[in-house]
């Protein structure tokens, strides 16, 4: 065996040992943490870290779709006569729920901006 071959073999053995050391971690696999799998102990809804304790709830209202706009946006007329700009929620987009003019929908509105809403359910 020549000198160059012996240097190469020694380097190869060192790198193999380094890689095997990663498999001997407490998590069992390279790059994985030692966290237990399964549901979280508190298993409640996740709250963003920046959220305050007194969280305001969305206002649920019903209305009728009066116009279909571009980009899954709709003009919805509420029973009190106000017209709001509404968009489809992500779950409705995911399930390909189609809305047409005249559909009755349930919306969630923020108490801070009552000119916009999110459509969460098609009633009929």
PDB file of N, CA and C in Angstrom:
ATOM      1  N   UNK A   1       0.854  -1.169   0.000  1.00  0.00           N
ATOM      2  CA  UNK A   1       0.000   0.000   0.000  1.00  0.00           C
ATOM      3  C   UNK A   1       0.900   1.232   0.000  1.00  0.00           C
ATOM      4  N   UNK A   2       0.643   2.142  -0.898  1.00  0.00           N
ATOM      5  CA  UNK A   2       1.475   3.341  -0.989  1.00  0.00           C
ATOM      6  C   UNK A   2       1.111   4.333   0.117  1.00  0.00           C
ATOM      7  N   UNK A   3       1.924   5.365   0.246  1.00  0.00           N
ATOM      8  CA  UNK A   3       1.702   6.374   1.293  1.00  0.00           C
ATOM      9  C   UNK A   3       0.390   7.123   1.070  1.00  0.00           C
ATOM     10  N   UNK A   4       0.089   7.477  -0.191  1.00  0.00           N
ATOM     11  CA  UNK A   4      -1.153   8.201  -0.496  1.00  0.00           C
ATOM     12  C   UNK A   4      -2.387   7.365  -0.171  1.00  0.00           C
ATOM     13  N   UNK A   5      -2.333   6.067  -0.451  1.00  0.00           N
ATOM     14  CA  UNK A   5      -3.460   5.190  -0.157  1.00  0.00           C
ATOM     15  C   UNK A   5      -3.675   5.077   1.344  1.00  0.00           C
ATOM     16  N   UNK A   6      -2.603   5.003   2.116  1.00  0.00           N
ATOM     17  CA  UNK A   6      -2.749   4.874   3.565  1.00  0.00           C
ATOM     18  C   UNK A   6      -3.315   6.150   4.179  1.00  0.00           C
ATOM     19  N   UNK A   7      -2.929   7.318   3.646  1.00  0.00           N
ATOM     20  CA  UNK A   7      -3.488   8.591   4.145  1.00  0.00           C
ATOM     21  C   UNK A   7      -4.982   8.642   3.832  1.00  0.00           C
ATOM     22  N   UNK A   8      -5.354   8.230   2.619  1.00  0.00           N
ATOM     23  CA  UNK A   8      -6.758   8.236   2.221  1.00  0.00           C
ATOM     24  C   UNK A   8      -7.580   7.313   3.122  1.00  0.00           C
ATOM     25  N   UNK A   9      -7.072   6.105   3.405  1.00  0.00           N
ATOM     26  CA  UNK A   9      -7.794   5.146   4.238  1.00  0.00           C
ATOM     27  C   UNK A   9      -7.951   5.675   5.658  1.00  0.00           C
ATOM     28  N   UNK A  10      -6.908   6.329   6.195  1.00  0.00           N
ATOM     29  CA  UNK A  10      -6.983   6.875   7.547  1.00  0.00           C
ATOM     30  C   UNK A  10      -8.027   7.983   7.609  1.00  0.00           C
ATOM     31  N   UNK A  11      -8.067   8.846   6.589  1.00  0.00           N
ATOM     32  CA  UNK A  11      -9.055   9.923   6.541  1.00  0.00           C
ATOM     33  C   UNK A  11     -10.471   9.350   6.436  1.00  0.00           C
ATOM     34  N   UNK A  12     -10.611   8.296   5.636  1.00  0.00           N
ATOM     35  CA  UNK A  12     -11.918   7.684   5.440  1.00  0.00           C
ATOM     36  C   UNK A  12     -12.428   7.072   6.743  1.00  0.00           C
ATOM     37  N   UNK A  13     -11.554   6.426   7.507  1.00  0.00           N
ATOM     38  CA  UNK A  13     -11.948   5.826   8.781  1.00  0.00           C
ATOM     39  C   UNK A  13     -12.372   6.905   9.769  1.00  0.00           C
ATOM     40  N   UNK A  14     -11.654   8.062   9.796  1.00  0.00           N
ATOM     41  CA  UNK A  14     -12.012   9.148  10.701  1.00  0.00           C
ATOM     42  C   UNK A  14     -13.398   9.691  10.387  1.00  0.00           C
ATOM     43  N   UNK A  15     -13.680   9.909   9.104  1.00  0.00           N
ATOM     44  CA  UNK A  15     -14.979  10.472   8.745  1.00  0.00           C
ATOM     45  C   UNK A  15     -16.099   9.477   9.034  1.00  0.00           C
ATOM     46  N   UNK A  16     -15.844   8.191   8.877  1.00  0.00           N
ATOM     47  CA  UNK A  16     -16.854   7.180   9.190  1.00  0.00           C
ATOM     48  C   UNK A  16     -17.161   7.192  10.676  1.00  0.00           C
ATOM     49  N   UNK A  17     -16.157   7.309  11.502  1.00  0.00           N
ATOM     50  CA  UNK A  17     -16.374   7.346  12.943  1.00  0.00           C
ATOM     51  C   UNK A  17     -17.170   8.577  13.356  1.00  0.00           C
ATOM     52  N   UNK A  18     -16.930   9.705  12.694  1.00  0.00           N
ATOM     53  CA  UNK A  18     -17.690  10.917  13.011  1.00  0.00           C
ATOM     54  C   UNK A  18     -19.161  10.721  12.686  1.00  0.00           C
ATOM     55  N   UNK A  19     -19.450  10.111  11.527  1.00  0.00           N
ATOM     56  CA  UNK A  19     -20.837   9.893  11.147  1.00  0.00           C
ATOM     57  C   UNK A  19     -21.530   8.923  12.086  1.00  0.00           C
ATOM     58  N   UNK A  20     -20.821   7.889  12.527  1.00  0.00           N
ATOM     59  CA  UNK A  20     -21.425   6.913  13.426  1.00  0.00           C
ATOM     60  C   UNK A  20     -21.692   7.532  14.796  1.00  0.00           C
ATOM     61  N   UNK A  21     -20.891   8.514  15.187  1.00  0.00           N
ATOM     62  CA  UNK A  21     -21.101   9.165  16.474  1.00  0.00           C
ATOM     63  C   UNK A  21     -22.444   9.889  16.497  1.00  0.00           C
ATOM     64  N   UNK A  22     -22.891  10.378  15.348  1.00  0.00           N
ATOM     65  CA  UNK A  22     -24.183  11.068  15.290  1.00  0.00           C
ATOM     66  C   UNK A  22     -25.338  10.111  15.549  1.00  0.00           C
ATOM     67  N   UNK A  23     -25.170   8.845  15.222  1.00  0.00           N
ATOM     68  CA  UNK A  23     -26.245   7.885  15.442  1.00  0.00           C
ATOM     69  C   UNK A  23     -26.346   7.466  16.905  1.00  0.00           C
ATOM     70  N   UNK A  24     -25.327   7.756  17.688  1.00  0.00           N
ATOM     71  CA  UNK A  24     -25.343   7.384  19.097  1.00  0.00           C
ATOM     72  C   UNK A  24     -25.918   8.490  19.972  1.00  0.00           C
ATOM     73  N   UNK A  25     -26.595   9.461  19.377  1.00  0.00           N
ATOM     74  CA  UNK A  25     -27.217  10.532  20.155  1.00  0.00           C
ATOM     75  C   UNK A  25     -28.426  10.002  20.915  1.00  0.00           C
ATOM     76  N   UNK A  26     -28.893  10.731  21.934  1.00  0.00           N
ATOM     77  CA  UNK A  26     -30.057  10.269  22.699  1.00  0.00           C
ATOM     78  C   UNK A  26     -31.316  10.127  21.842  1.00  0.00           C
ATOM     79  N   UNK A  27     -31.468  10.928  20.789  1.00  0.00           N
ATOM     80  CA  UNK A  27     -32.662  10.850  19.953  1.00  0.00           C
ATOM     81  C   UNK A  27     -32.687   9.628  19.065  1.00  0.00           C
ATOM     82  N   UNK A  28     -31.552   8.991  18.871  1.00  0.00           N
ATOM     83  CA  UNK A  28     -31.503   7.769  18.096  1.00  0.00           C
ATOM     84  C   UNK A  28     -31.121   7.988  16.650  1.00  0.00           C
ATOM     85  N   UNK A  29     -31.405   9.127  16.079  1.00  0.00           N
ATOM     86  CA  UNK A  29     -31.065   9.377  14.689  1.00  0.00           C
ATOM     87  C   UNK A  29     -30.356  10.703  14.571  1.00  0.00           C
ATOM     88  N   UNK A  30     -29.634  10.837  13.488  1.00  0.00           N
ATOM     89  CA  UNK A  30     -28.887  12.048  13.248  1.00  0.00           C
ATOM     90  C   UNK A  30     -29.845  13.209  13.026  1.00  0.00           C
ATOM     91  N   UNK A  31     -29.651  14.322  13.725  1.00  0.00           N
ATOM     92  CA  UNK A  31     -30.411  15.537  13.501  1.00  0.00           C
ATOM     93  C   UNK A  31     -31.757  15.581  14.208  1.00  0.00           C
ATOM     94  N   UNK A  32     -32.185  14.518  14.838  1.00  0.00           N
ATOM     95  CA  UNK A  32     -33.471  14.503  15.526  1.00  0.00           C
ATOM     96  C   UNK A  32     -33.272  14.900  16.981  1.00  0.00           C
ATOM     97  N   UNK A  33     -34.241  15.593  17.534  1.00  0.00           N
ATOM     98  CA  UNK A  33     -34.130  15.965  18.943  1.00  0.00           C
ATOM     99  C   UNK A  33     -34.638  14.810  19.802  1.00  0.00           C
ATOM    100  N   UNK A  34     -34.376  14.889  21.070  1.00  0.00           N
ATOM    101  CA  UNK A  34     -34.764  13.835  21.988  1.00  0.00           C
ATOM    102  C   UNK A  34     -36.155  14.073  22.560  1.00  0.00           C
ATOM    103  N   UNK A  35     -36.995  14.884  21.869  1.00  0.00           N
ATOM    104  CA  UNK A  35     -38.352  15.148  22.337  1.00  0.00           C
ATOM    105  C   UNK A  35     -39.210  13.901  22.218  1.00  0.00           C
ATOM    106  N   UNK A  36     -40.097  13.662  23.162  1.00  0.00           N
ATOM    107  CA  UNK A  36     -41.008  12.526  23.004  1.00  0.00           C
ATOM    108  C   UNK A  36     -42.027  12.819  21.912  1.00  0.00           C
ATOM    109  N   UNK A  37     -42.403  11.789  21.177  1.00  0.00           N
ATOM    110  CA  UNK A  37     -43.407  11.979  20.138  1.00  0.00           C
ATOM    111  C   UNK A  37     -44.795  11.827  20.749  1.00  0.00           C
ATOM    112  N   UNK A  38     -45.816  12.189  19.990  1.00  0.00           N
ATOM    113  CA  UNK A  38     -47.185  12.060  20.466  1.00  0.00           C
ATOM    114  C   UNK A  38     -47.778  13.421  20.793  1.00  0.00           C
ATOM    115  N   UNK A  39     -49.000  13.420  21.337  1.00  0.00           N
ATOM    116  CA  UNK A  39     -49.676  14.692  21.625  1.00  0.00           C
ATOM    117  C   UNK A  39     -48.977  15.464  22.737  1.00  0.00           C
ATOM    118  N   UNK A  40     -49.126  16.780  22.669  1.00  0.00           N
ATOM    119  CA  UNK A  40     -48.553  17.628  23.712  1.00  0.00           C
ATOM    120  C   UNK A  40     -49.297  17.396  25.014  1.00  0.00           C
ATOM    121  N   UNK A  41     -48.650  17.598  26.157  1.00  0.00           N
ATOM    122  CA  UNK A  41     -49.336  17.354  27.429  1.00  0.00           C
ATOM    123  C   UNK A  41     -50.523  18.282  27.659  1.00  0.00           C
ATOM    124  N   UNK A  42     -50.434  19.549  27.205  1.00  0.00           N
ATOM    125  CA  UNK A  42     -51.561  20.459  27.430  1.00  0.00           C
ATOM    126  C   UNK A  42     -52.647  20.266  26.375  1.00  0.00           C
ATOM    127  N   UNK A  43     -52.301  19.868  25.141  1.00  0.00           N
ATOM    128  CA  UNK A  43     -53.203  19.510  24.040  1.00  0.00           C
ATOM    129  C   UNK A  43     -54.342  20.507  23.811  1.00  0.00           C
ATOM    130  N   UNK A  44     -54.227  21.726  24.271  1.00  0.00           N
ATOM    131  CA  UNK A  44     -55.229  22.751  24.015  1.00  0.00           C
ATOM    132  C   UNK A  44     -54.911  23.497  22.735  1.00  0.00           C
ATOM    133  N   UNK A  45     -55.702  24.516  22.404  1.00  0.00           N
ATOM    134  CA  UNK A  45     -55.402  25.286  21.193  1.00  0.00           C
ATOM    135  C   UNK A  45     -54.099  26.052  21.361  1.00  0.00           C
ATOM    136  N   UNK A  46     -53.366  26.170  20.286  1.00  0.00           N
ATOM    137  CA  UNK A  46     -52.102  26.898  20.335  1.00  0.00           C
ATOM    138  C   UNK A  46     -52.376  28.393  20.280  1.00  0.00           C
ATOM    139  N   UNK A  47     -51.676  29.131  21.100  1.00  0.00           N
ATOM    140  CA  UNK A  47     -51.822  30.585  21.149  1.00  0.00           C
ATOM    141  C   UNK A  47     -50.501  31.193  20.739  1.00  0.00           C
ATOM    142  N   UNK A  48     -50.532  32.195  19.886  1.00  0.00           N
ATOM    143  CA  UNK A  48     -49.303  32.855  19.479  1.00  0.00           C
ATOM    144  C   UNK A  48     -48.643  33.501  20.683  1.00  0.00           C
ATOM    145  N   UNK A  49     -47.350  33.569  20.658  1.00  0.00           N
ATOM    146  CA  UNK A  49     -46.621  34.099  21.807  1.00  0.00           C
ATOM    147  C   UNK A  49     -46.907  35.570  22.028  1.00  0.00           C
ATOM    148  N   UNK A  50     -47.216  36.310  20.970  1.00  0.00           N
ATOM    149  CA  UNK A  50     -47.468  37.737  21.108  1.00  0.00           C
ATOM    150  C   UNK A  50     -48.888  38.070  21.521  1.00  0.00           C
ATOM    151  N   UNK A  51     -49.766  37.073  21.618  1.00  0.00           N
ATOM    152  CA  UNK A  51     -51.171  37.328  21.925  1.00  0.00           C
ATOM    153  C   UNK A  51     -51.332  37.689  23.399  1.00  0.00           C
ATOM    154  N   UNK A  52     -52.231  38.584  23.672  1.00  0.00           N
ATOM    155  CA  UNK A  52     -52.533  38.978  25.044  1.00  0.00           C
ATOM    156  C   UNK A  52     -53.564  38.020  25.626  1.00  0.00           C
ATOM    157  N   UNK A  53     -53.741  38.065  26.918  1.00  0.00           N
ATOM    158  CA  UNK A  53     -54.700  37.184  27.583  1.00  0.00           C
ATOM    159  C   UNK A  53     -56.137  37.470  27.197  1.00  0.00           C
ATOM    160  N   UNK A  54     -56.542  38.745  27.057  1.00  0.00           N
ATOM    161  CA  UNK A  54     -57.913  39.096  26.714  1.00  0.00           C
ATOM    162  C   UNK A  54     -58.108  39.133  25.217  1.00  0.00           C
ATOM    163  N   UNK A  55     -58.289  37.977  24.618  1.00  0.00           N
ATOM    164  CA  UNK A  55     -58.388  37.891  23.172  1.00  0.00           C
ATOM    165  C   UNK A  55     -59.830  38.135  22.739  1.00  0.00           C
ATOM    166  N   UNK A  56     -60.039  39.034  21.747  1.00  0.00           N
ATOM    167  CA  UNK A  56     -61.380  39.326  21.252  1.00  0.00           C
ATOM    168  C   UNK A  56     -61.808  38.261  20.267  1.00  0.00           C
ATOM    169  N   UNK A  57     -63.065  37.854  20.367  1.00  0.00           N
ATOM    170  CA  UNK A  57     -63.600  36.843  19.470  1.00  0.00           C
ATOM    171  C   UNK A  57     -64.149  37.507  18.220  1.00  0.00           C
ATOM    172  N   UNK A  58     -64.218  36.746  17.146  1.00  0.00           N
ATOM    173  CA  UNK A  58     -64.792  37.241  15.897  1.00  0.00           C
ATOM    174  C   UNK A  58     -66.309  37.257  16.022  1.00  0.00           C
ATOM    175  N   UNK A  59     -66.935  38.191  15.330  1.00  0.00           N
ATOM    176  CA  UNK A  59     -68.387  38.314  15.331  1.00  0.00           C
ATOM    177  C   UNK A  59     -68.917  37.481  14.168  1.00  0.00           C
ATOM    178  N   UNK A  60     -69.845  36.567  14.437  1.00  0.00           N
ATOM    179  CA  UNK A  60     -70.423  35.744  13.376  1.00  0.00           C
ATOM    180  C   UNK A  60     -71.720  36.365  12.901  1.00  0.00           C
ATOM    181  N   UNK A  61     -71.826  36.580  11.593  1.00  0.00           N
ATOM    182  CA  UNK A  61     -73.029  37.153  10.982  1.00  0.00           C
ATOM    183  C   UNK A  61     -73.349  36.373   9.714  1.00  0.00           C
ATOM    184  N   UNK A  62     -74.580  36.532   9.244  1.00  0.00           N
ATOM    185  CA  UNK A  62     -74.989  35.906   7.987  1.00  0.00           C
ATOM    186  C   UNK A  62     -75.296  36.973   6.969  1.00  0.00           C
ATOM    187  N   UNK A  63     -75.139  36.621   5.709  1.00  0.00           N
ATOM    188  CA  UNK A  63     -75.418  37.551   4.633  1.00  0.00           C
ATOM    189  C   UNK A  63     -75.621  36.812   3.325  1.00  0.00           C
ATOM    190  N   UNK A  64     -75.907  37.570   2.275  1.00  0.00           N
ATOM    191  CA  UNK A  64     -76.139  37.009   0.948  1.00  0.00           C
ATOM    192  C   UNK A  64     -75.091  37.544  -0.007  1.00  0.00           C
ATOM    193  N   UNK A  65     -74.495  36.670  -0.809  1.00  0.00           N
ATOM    194  CA  UNK A  65     -73.487  37.084  -1.781  1.00  0.00           C
ATOM    195  C   UNK A  65     -74.162  37.933  -2.845  1.00  0.00           C
ATOM    196  N   UNK A  66     -73.691  39.176  -3.007  1.00  0.00           N
ATOM    197  CA  UNK A  66     -74.296  40.072  -3.993  1.00  0.00           C
ATOM    198  C   UNK A  66     -73.429  40.247  -5.231  1.00  0.00           C
ATOM    199  N   UNK A  67     -72.116  40.015  -5.119  1.00  0.00           N
ATOM    200  CA  UNK A  67     -71.230  40.140  -6.277  1.00  0.00           C
ATOM    201  C   UNK A  67     -70.009  39.259  -6.075  1.00  0.00           C
ATOM    202  N   UNK A  68     -69.542  38.675  -7.174  1.00  0.00           N
ATOM    203  CA  UNK A  68     -68.318  37.870  -7.161  1.00  0.00           C
ATOM    204  C   UNK A  68     -67.211  38.720  -7.757  1.00  0.00           C
ATOM    205  N   UNK A  69     -66.126  38.910  -6.996  1.00  0.00           N
ATOM    206  CA  UNK A  69     -64.993  39.724  -7.435  1.00  0.00           C
ATOM    207  C   UNK A  69     -63.797  38.824  -7.729  1.00  0.00           C
ATOM    208  N   UNK A  70     -62.739  39.404  -8.222  1.00  0.00           N
ATOM    209  CA  UNK A  70     -61.535  38.645  -8.559  1.00  0.00           C
ATOM    210  C   UNK A  70     -60.814  38.187  -7.298  1.00  0.00           C
ATOM    211  N   UNK A  71     -60.093  37.091  -7.422  1.00  0.00           N
ATOM    212  CA  UNK A  71     -59.242  36.624  -6.324  1.00  0.00           C
ATOM    213  C   UNK A  71     -60.015  36.091  -5.146  1.00  0.00           C
ATOM    214  N   UNK A  72     -61.054  35.341  -5.352  1.00  0.00           N
ATOM    215  CA  UNK A  72     -61.912  34.751  -4.309  1.00  0.00           C
ATOM    216  C   UNK A  72     -62.426  35.793  -3.316  1.00  0.00           C
ATOM    217  N   UNK A  73     -62.717  36.965  -3.811  1.00  0.00           N
ATOM    218  CA  UNK A  73     -63.308  38.029  -2.994  1.00  0.00           C
ATOM    219  C   UNK A  73     -64.772  38.187  -3.398  1.00  0.00           C
ATOM    220  N   UNK A  74     -65.597  38.579  -2.450  1.00  0.00           N
ATOM    221  CA  UNK A  74     -67.031  38.693  -2.674  1.00  0.00           C
ATOM    222  C   UNK A  74     -67.563  39.936  -1.983  1.00  0.00           C
ATOM    223  N   UNK A  75     -68.608  40.516  -2.556  1.00  0.00           N
ATOM    224  CA  UNK A  75     -69.395  41.545  -1.865  1.00  0.00           C
ATOM    225  C   UNK A  75     -70.572  40.813  -1.250  1.00  0.00           C
ATOM    226  N   UNK A  76     -70.754  40.963   0.049  1.00  0.00           N
ATOM    227  CA  UNK A  76     -71.828  40.268   0.751  1.00  0.00           C
ATOM    228  C   UNK A  76     -72.724  41.302   1.412  1.00  0.00           C
ATOM    229  N   UNK A  77     -74.025  41.172   1.163  1.00  0.00           N
ATOM    230  CA  UNK A  77     -74.998  42.097   1.748  1.00  0.00           C
ATOM    231  C   UNK A  77     -75.580  41.447   2.995  1.00  0.00           C
ATOM    232  N   UNK A  78     -75.487  42.157   4.111  1.00  0.00           N
ATOM    233  CA  UNK A  78     -75.999  41.636   5.372  1.00  0.00           C
ATOM    234  C   UNK A  78     -77.459  42.027   5.526  1.00  0.00           C
ATOM    235  N   UNK A  79     -78.127  41.423   6.498  1.00  0.00           N
ATOM    236  CA  UNK A  79     -79.560  41.656   6.684  1.00  0.00           C
ATOM    237  C   UNK A  79     -79.869  43.095   7.110  1.00  0.00           C
ATOM    238  N   UNK A  80     -78.900  43.784   7.728  1.00  0.00           N
ATOM    239  CA  UNK A  80     -79.127  45.164   8.154  1.00  0.00           C
ATOM    240  C   UNK A  80     -78.877  46.168   7.035  1.00  0.00           C
ATOM    241  N   UNK A  81     -78.524  45.684   5.823  1.00  0.00           N
ATOM    242  CA  UNK A  81     -78.340  46.564   4.679  1.00  0.00           C
ATOM    243  C   UNK A  81     -76.896  46.913   4.362  1.00  0.00           C
ATOM    244  N   UNK A  82     -75.985  46.657   5.282  1.00  0.00           N
ATOM    245  CA  UNK A  82     -74.566  46.950   5.028  1.00  0.00           C
ATOM    246  C   UNK A  82     -73.988  45.938   4.051  1.00  0.00           C
ATOM    247  N   UNK A  83     -73.032  46.396   3.247  1.00  0.00           N
ATOM    248  CA  UNK A  83     -72.352  45.520   2.310  1.00  0.00           C
ATOM    249  C   UNK A  83     -70.876  45.473   2.694  1.00  0.00           C
ATOM    250  N   UNK A  84     -70.338  44.265   2.831  1.00  0.00           N
ATOM    251  CA  UNK A  84     -68.948  44.096   3.252  1.00  0.00           C
ATOM    252  C   UNK A  84     -68.169  43.343   2.181  1.00  0.00           C
ATOM    253  N   UNK A  85     -66.854  43.510   2.215  1.00  0.00           N
ATOM    254  CA  UNK A  85     -65.950  42.790   1.338  1.00  0.00           C
ATOM    255  C   UNK A  85     -65.495  41.542   2.085  1.00  0.00           C
ATOM    256  N   UNK A  86     -65.704  40.371   1.482  1.00  0.00           N
ATOM    257  CA  UNK A  86     -65.398  39.113   2.183  1.00  0.00           C
ATOM    258  C   UNK A  86     -64.539  38.211   1.309  1.00  0.00           C
ATOM    259  N   UNK A  87     -63.720  37.401   1.956  1.00  0.00           N
ATOM    260  CA  UNK A  87     -62.932  36.405   1.244  1.00  0.00           C
ATOM    261  C   UNK A  87     -63.225  35.028   1.823  1.00  0.00           C
ATOM    262  N   UNK A  88     -62.931  33.981   1.047  1.00  0.00           N
ATOM    263  CA  UNK A  88     -63.204  32.605   1.473  1.00  0.00           C
ATOM    264  C   UNK A  88     -62.133  32.158   2.459  1.00  0.00           C
ATOM    265  N   UNK A  89     -62.539  31.412   3.483  1.00  0.00           N
ATOM    266  CA  UNK A  89     -61.567  30.877   4.435  1.00  0.00           C
ATOM    267  C   UNK A  89     -60.748  29.771   3.773  1.00  0.00           C
ATOM    268  N   UNK A  90     -59.625  29.453   4.375  1.00  0.00           N
ATOM    269  CA  UNK A  90     -58.715  28.466   3.810  1.00  0.00           C
ATOM    270  C   UNK A  90     -59.315  27.078   3.695  1.00  0.00           C
ATOM    271  N   UNK A  91     -60.132  26.673   4.666  1.00  0.00           N
ATOM    272  CA  UNK A  91     -60.737  25.347   4.610  1.00  0.00           C
ATOM    273  C   UNK A  91     -61.736  25.246   3.464  1.00  0.00           C
ATOM    274  N   UNK A  92     -62.451  26.336   3.191  1.00  0.00           N
ATOM    275  CA  UNK A  92     -63.390  26.317   2.069  1.00  0.00           C
ATOM    276  C   UNK A  92     -62.630  26.275   0.747  1.00  0.00           C
ATOM    277  N   UNK A  93     -61.497  26.969   0.685  1.00  0.00           N
ATOM    278  CA  UNK A  93     -60.652  26.919  -0.516  1.00  0.00           C
ATOM    279  C   UNK A  93     -60.122  25.512  -0.735  1.00  0.00           C
ATOM    280  N   UNK A  94     -59.664  24.911   0.352  1.00  0.00           N
ATOM    281  CA  UNK A  94     -59.094  23.569   0.283  1.00  0.00           C
ATOM    282  C   UNK A  94     -60.123  22.552  -0.208  1.00  0.00           C
ATOM    283  N   UNK A  95     -61.373  22.703   0.208  1.00  0.00           N
ATOM    284  CA  UNK A  95     -62.443  21.770  -0.171  1.00  0.00           C
ATOM    285  C   UNK A  95     -63.155  22.172  -1.465  1.00  0.00           C
ATOM    286  N   UNK A  96     -62.673  23.220  -2.128  1.00  0.00           N
ATOM    287  CA  UNK A  96     -63.226  23.710  -3.400  1.00  0.00           C
ATOM    288  C   UNK A  96     -64.723  24.013  -3.292  1.00  0.00           C
ATOM    289  N   UNK A  97     -65.119  24.689  -2.226  1.00  0.00           N
ATOM    290  CA  UNK A  97     -66.516  25.096  -2.066  1.00  0.00           C
ATOM    291  C   UNK A  97     -66.742  26.296  -2.965  1.00  0.00           C
ATOM    292  N   UNK A  98     -67.689  26.197  -3.877  1.00  0.00           N
ATOM    293  CA  UNK A  98     -67.971  27.271  -4.832  1.00  0.00           C
ATOM    294  C   UNK A  98     -69.101  28.145  -4.314  1.00  0.00           C
ATOM    295  N   UNK A  99     -68.966  29.439  -4.530  1.00  0.00           N
ATOM    296  CA  UNK A  99     -70.003  30.395  -4.147  1.00  0.00           C
ATOM    297  C   UNK A  99     -70.465  31.154  -5.379  1.00  0.00           C
ATOM    298  N   UNK A 100     -71.778  31.369  -5.481  1.00  0.00           N
ATOM    299  CA  UNK A 100     -72.352  32.142  -6.580  1.00  0.00           C
ATOM    300  C   UNK A 100     -73.244  33.227  -5.997  1.00  0.00           C
ATOM    301  N   UNK A 101     -73.633  34.165  -6.831  1.00  0.00           N
ATOM    302  CA  UNK A 101     -74.508  35.255  -6.385  1.00  0.00           C
ATOM    303  C   UNK A 101     -75.817  34.655  -5.885  1.00  0.00           C
ATOM    304  N   UNK A 102     -76.247  35.097  -4.712  1.00  0.00           N
ATOM    305  CA  UNK A 102     -77.488  34.609  -4.121  1.00  0.00           C
ATOM    306  C   UNK A 102     -77.287  33.605  -3.012  1.00  0.00           C
ATOM    307  N   UNK A 103     -76.074  33.059  -2.855  1.00  0.00           N
ATOM    308  CA  UNK A 103     -75.822  32.101  -1.776  1.00  0.00           C
ATOM    309  C   UNK A 103     -75.856  32.798  -0.425  1.00  0.00           C
ATOM    310  N   UNK A 104     -76.459  32.135   0.554  1.00  0.00           N
ATOM    311  CA  UNK A 104     -76.454  32.644   1.926  1.00  0.00           C
ATOM    312  C   UNK A 104     -75.215  32.071   2.605  1.00  0.00           C
ATOM    313  N   UNK A 105     -74.418  32.926   3.231  1.00  0.00           N
ATOM    314  CA  UNK A 105     -73.154  32.513   3.846  1.00  0.00           C
ATOM    315  C   UNK A 105     -73.061  32.997   5.283  1.00  0.00           C
ATOM    316  N   UNK A 106     -72.277  32.275   6.074  1.00  0.00           N
ATOM    317  CA  UNK A 106     -71.972  32.705   7.432  1.00  0.00           C
ATOM    318  C   UNK A 106     -70.563  33.267   7.413  1.00  0.00           C
ATOM    319  N   UNK A 107     -70.370  34.431   8.038  1.00  0.00           N
ATOM    320  CA  UNK A 107     -69.082  35.114   8.009  1.00  0.00           C
ATOM    321  C   UNK A 107     -68.592  35.398   9.422  1.00  0.00           C
ATOM    322  N   UNK A 108     -67.296  35.585   9.534  1.00  0.00           N
ATOM    323  CA  UNK A 108     -66.675  36.059  10.772  1.00  0.00           C
ATOM    324  C   UNK A 108     -66.119  37.444  10.499  1.00  0.00           C
ATOM    325  N   UNK A 109     -66.445  38.379  11.369  1.00  0.00           N
ATOM    326  CA  UNK A 109     -65.954  39.757  11.226  1.00  0.00           C
ATOM    327  C   UNK A 109     -65.143  40.131  12.455  1.00  0.00           C
ATOM    328  N   UNK A 110     -64.099  40.890  12.245  1.00  0.00           N
ATOM    329  CA  UNK A 110     -63.310  41.401  13.350  1.00  0.00           C
ATOM    330  C   UNK A 110     -64.042  42.579  13.977  1.00  0.00           C
ATOM    331  N   UNK A 111     -64.002  42.718  15.278  1.00  0.00           N
ATOM    332  CA  UNK A 111     -64.638  43.889  15.898  1.00  0.00           C
ATOM    333  C   UNK A 111     -63.898  45.187  15.582  1.00  0.00           C
ATOM    334  N   UNK A 112     -62.683  45.089  15.044  1.00  0.00           N
ATOM    335  CA  UNK A 112     -61.892  46.277  14.750  1.00  0.00           C
ATOM    336  C   UNK A 112     -62.157  46.836  13.359  1.00  0.00           C
ATOM    337  N   UNK A 113     -62.478  45.960  12.398  1.00  0.00           N
ATOM    338  CA  UNK A 113     -62.752  46.415  11.033  1.00  0.00           C
ATOM    339  C   UNK A 113     -64.015  45.721  10.540  1.00  0.00           C
ATOM    340  N   UNK A 114     -65.135  46.427  10.584  1.00  0.00           N
ATOM    341  CA  UNK A 114     -66.416  45.826  10.217  1.00  0.00           C
ATOM    342  C   UNK A 114     -66.738  45.993   8.733  1.00  0.00           C
ATOM    343  N   UNK A 115     -65.764  46.410   7.936  1.00  0.00           N
ATOM    344  CA  UNK A 115     -65.991  46.514   6.491  1.00  0.00           C
ATOM    345  C   UNK A 115     -65.497  45.274   5.759  1.00  0.00           C
ATOM    346  N   UNK A 116     -64.774  44.401   6.462  1.00  0.00           N
ATOM    347  CA  UNK A 116     -64.223  43.198   5.858  1.00  0.00           C
ATOM    348  C   UNK A 116     -64.635  41.983   6.679  1.00  0.00           C
ATOM    349  N   UNK A 117     -64.705  40.822   6.008  1.00  0.00           N
ATOM    350  CA  UNK A 117     -65.116  39.597   6.692  1.00  0.00           C
ATOM    351  C   UNK A 117     -64.465  38.392   6.032  1.00  0.00           C
ATOM    352  N   UNK A 118     -64.562  37.255   6.721  1.00  0.00           N
ATOM    353  CA  UNK A 118     -64.081  35.981   6.192  1.00  0.00           C
ATOM    354  C   UNK A 118     -65.269  35.035   6.133  1.00  0.00           C
ATOM    355  N   UNK A 119     -65.532  34.468   4.963  1.00  0.00           N
ATOM    356  CA  UNK A 119     -66.648  33.537   4.784  1.00  0.00           C
ATOM    357  C   UNK A 119     -66.198  32.170   5.288  1.00  0.00           C
ATOM    358  N   UNK A 120     -66.946  31.614   6.260  1.00  0.00           N
ATOM    359  CA  UNK A 120     -66.553  30.351   6.869  1.00  0.00           C
ATOM    360  C   UNK A 120     -67.524  29.209   6.570  1.00  0.00           C
ATOM    361  N   UNK A 121     -68.732  29.515   6.059  1.00  0.00           N
ATOM    362  CA  UNK A 121     -69.718  28.459   5.841  1.00  0.00           C
ATOM    363  C   UNK A 121     -70.732  28.908   4.793  1.00  0.00           C
ATOM    364  N   UNK A 122     -71.076  28.012   3.866  1.00  0.00           N
ATOM    365  CA  UNK A 122     -72.145  28.305   2.907  1.00  0.00           C
ATOM    366  C   UNK A 122     -73.421  27.645   3.423  1.00  0.00           C
ATOM    367  N   UNK A 123     -74.414  28.481   3.754  1.00  0.00           N
ATOM    368  CA  UNK A 123     -75.663  27.974   4.309  1.00  0.00           C
ATOM    369  C   UNK A 123     -76.535  27.398   3.202  1.00  0.00           C
ATOM    370  N   UNK A 124     -76.648  28.091   2.098  1.00  0.00           N
ATOM    371  CA  UNK A 124     -77.518  27.584   1.028  1.00  0.00           C
ATOM    372  C   UNK A 124     -77.406  28.383  -0.241  1.00  0.00           C
TER     373      UNK A 124
END
